[in-house]
Each structure stands twice: as C-alpha cells, then as structure tokens.
Amino acid sequence: MRTLCVVLVLLAACGPPAPPPDPEIVRQHEIAALVARLGDEAAERALVIRGEEAIPQLRTVLRSDPAPVRRGRAARVLGQIRRVTGMDVGLSDYVDVLRGATSAAVVHELLASAHYFDAPDVVTLLLAYIEKMPGVTPAMIASAGALTETDAIAAMKSYVARTKDAPDEPARDLAIRYLGRAARRGRLDAVEFLVNCTGLDNVRVAHAAEAELLLVVGRANVRNWRGWWVEHGQGRRFAWLVQALTLEKQAPFDVASLDAWDWLIGRLDLKEDREPEFALIERHLGIRAGFISLRDLLDPTLTEAGVREGNERALGTVKRWWAERRETLRWNAEEQRFEIDRTVRAVAGRYAEAAAKADGAERVRIIDEGRRHAAVILAVAKILADVWPDEAGCIYADLLARYGAGAVPEFGAECVEAREALERLK
C-alpha cells in the first residue's frame, strides 16, 4: 500500500506544470502593494514611475479612502504624475472631491497638494478656503504662492486680518511673506496693508510685516512706516530703491550712470538678501538672472539649497554680463534702461552670422573677435562725439561702413590709427 502511495505522488509531480501568472494581475498586485504604503517616499516615487497604470488605484483612494491623509497622498502622487508625464489626469477627480468634501481634515490634506493641479477651478477653491476657512495650513499658503503671482492678495489679507490677534497662527507668517512678494512686484495695495500691520498690537504680526517692508524699500532705515507711507505712498518701488542706494552710497545713485552701476555690481554679493539690487538690475539693465529671495521661497517643489545654488549662478551671470558688455551700452532715456548700442548690435549681428556657420574653436574665436570689434567701434564713436559732436553721426556711419563688414577683421591697428587721427584733428 505504501508503495502504491509513493507511485501516485510521483505521477502527480510529473503532471503538466501550472500556468504562469497573468502579468497584468501581477502588475496590479505590485501597484496595490505600493498604494498600501502611501506616505512612504520610496513607494510614492515608484508609483510616479509606474505612471498611467497606477492611476486607477490612486483615483480610488482619492475618492473613497476613509483616511484623509491617504487621500491627500494619493492626490500628491497623481499631481506628480501629471507634472512628470504631462498627462491630463486626476484633475476632475481632485476638483470633484474638493467640492464635495464635508471633512475639514480631507480639505486640508487635499489642498496641501493643490500646487500640482494648475487650473482655474483649483485656484478658485484654494483661495476661497484660505479666505474663509478656519485652520488654514502653511501648505495651503505655499500652494497659493506656487499657483499665483499676486492673485491671492485678497485672500491673504482676509486671512491675516481675521487672525491678527491670535498669538500663534502657523500659516500667518507665510501669508505675510506672500504679501511682501506681491509688494515687491509692484502691488501698492499689498504695501499699504503691510504698513497698516506694523501698527498692530500683535508684535509678531507687526515685526513680520516690517521685515517684508524693509526688503520692499531696499533695506532703508524707516522708523515710522505710517509716516513713510504718507510721504512716499504715491511713488513707485524703483524710486524707493534708488533713494535707499543713495543713502548707502552717500551720493546720488544715478541709474543712467555707468559709474553708479560699477559701484553697485562691484559690491554685489550674497551675504544678505539682494532682491532689491537684482530688481533694479532687471529694470534698468534688462538682465533676468533668475535670482530668488529666500523670503519668496513659497513653491513647495523648490528647496532652499537649490535656490541658493541658483542665486550663486545669478550673481555670476550679472558680473560676467557687466564685464563683457559695459562698454557697449547706451542709456535709453525714454525706456529708462541701458541697451546695447545699435551700431554695436549691427556689428555683433554680422559676427553672429559668421559664428553660426562655424563650430568648435573657430566659433569661439569669431565670437570673441566680434565682442572686441563691437567694443572698439563704440569707443571710437565716443571719442568722435567729444571731439567733433556736430559731425559725429556721419563719421560714426563711415566707421561702420569701413570696419563693420568682412569676416573677423583685426581691429587693433585701425583703432590706434583712428585715435591718432583724432588727436591731430584736435
């Protein structure tokens, strides 16, 4: 009997193999295991990598999971999939759940990820909650900062006003920073609101508002903000910044003077917040270097380390730009900014055309020669304007015709000859 059992077992083992598991079922089980770990950064990264195939299970969690935190994390991962893949997914589910939510906890968790859903409906809901809802969180303010430039001013003012007497309100300082950013971007209503906040009995609110205003006016020493507003409230920020630099320089800071910009750019560093200087540089030199004040770091997808690294690059960009182009700039009084001289631009255009046809070391050489050539033409033109102002335009045009054509001419000798001829003319 025992022998018969052994034989039967062996026969069963030699039967046909079990069919392989369905790959789709395996994938769904793997995704379900990752979804069960929502809140774990590694699991969420893996879900983002899965992309489209993870969306159905994430939508289920977003719409019906009993735990608010898990619903918020599902929204976050769906938003990241939207951003990484460019797919238009999750938005309708997100908006529907927000509109139908009866739990404040669910609303708070969902709105912490609002910055991943850049859509008018989301912005409208977010600002409405900030303006009227109790328990506003820092993450909600940060999302508003990422989604809007200045459109959230009314909501932020309302939130700060209704919490102005609370001794500790975690999101309020961030809302004041949003208003400070709006003020630095030209919104006088935000400036006025911050000025009014400096007179509040709540010292925390008053000090937070003052910190923003100091950056708005270029770190000027203002003792009475209400008095300052009465005197300067009808002005514009760039005038306030020039006034602050005049006080620091102990001499007028003339935005049309190259020497003034030599002073400003020469002393530029990152030992303190240089947002005022970079704002002036963008306005009057036209350089968008990408500097971001750490006070403006509201976007949750940005890190302080990344912003600091970007600001180092911005500083280097400005200093290189100034060193290379200073001698080629002319002041445009109508536009109130420096521009590259039109003759220099024409010469540079010729070199750019030649450089486009070259590559490697030859291309670099053409570009360098073009910069020197353009700068020399401008230098000669300035000499002519001093020596013979009535005829400077005609001689300028003649110089362009003589030296502005051809492929990469050596200009050093011609410049010396031109200067010697001008000296003889004197």
Foldseek 3Di string as FASTA:
>chain_A
DVVVVVVVVVVVVPDDDDDDDDVVVVVVVVLVVLLVVQVDPVSLVVLLVVQPVNQVVLLCCLQDPPDLLSNLSSLQSQLSNCVVVVDPPDQVSLLVCCVPDPDPSNNQSNLLRLLSPQDPSSLVSLLVCLLDPPPHALSSLLSNLNNDQCPSVVSLLNNCVVCVPPLDDHNNLLSLLSLLSNLLVWDLVSLVSLLVQLPDPRPVSNVSSVVSVCVQLQNADDDRSVVVCVVPSVDTSLVSNQVRVCVVVVHRQDLQDLVSVCVVLVPDDVPDFCVSVVVSCCQAAVDPLPQDGPSSNSHPVDDPVNNVVSNVSSSVVVVVCCVLQVLQWHADVVSNHIDGDPLLVLLQVQLVVVLVVDDDPVSVVSNVLSSVLSSLLSVLLVLCCVQPVVCSVVVSVVCCVVRSDDGRDDCPVVSVVSVVVSVVVD
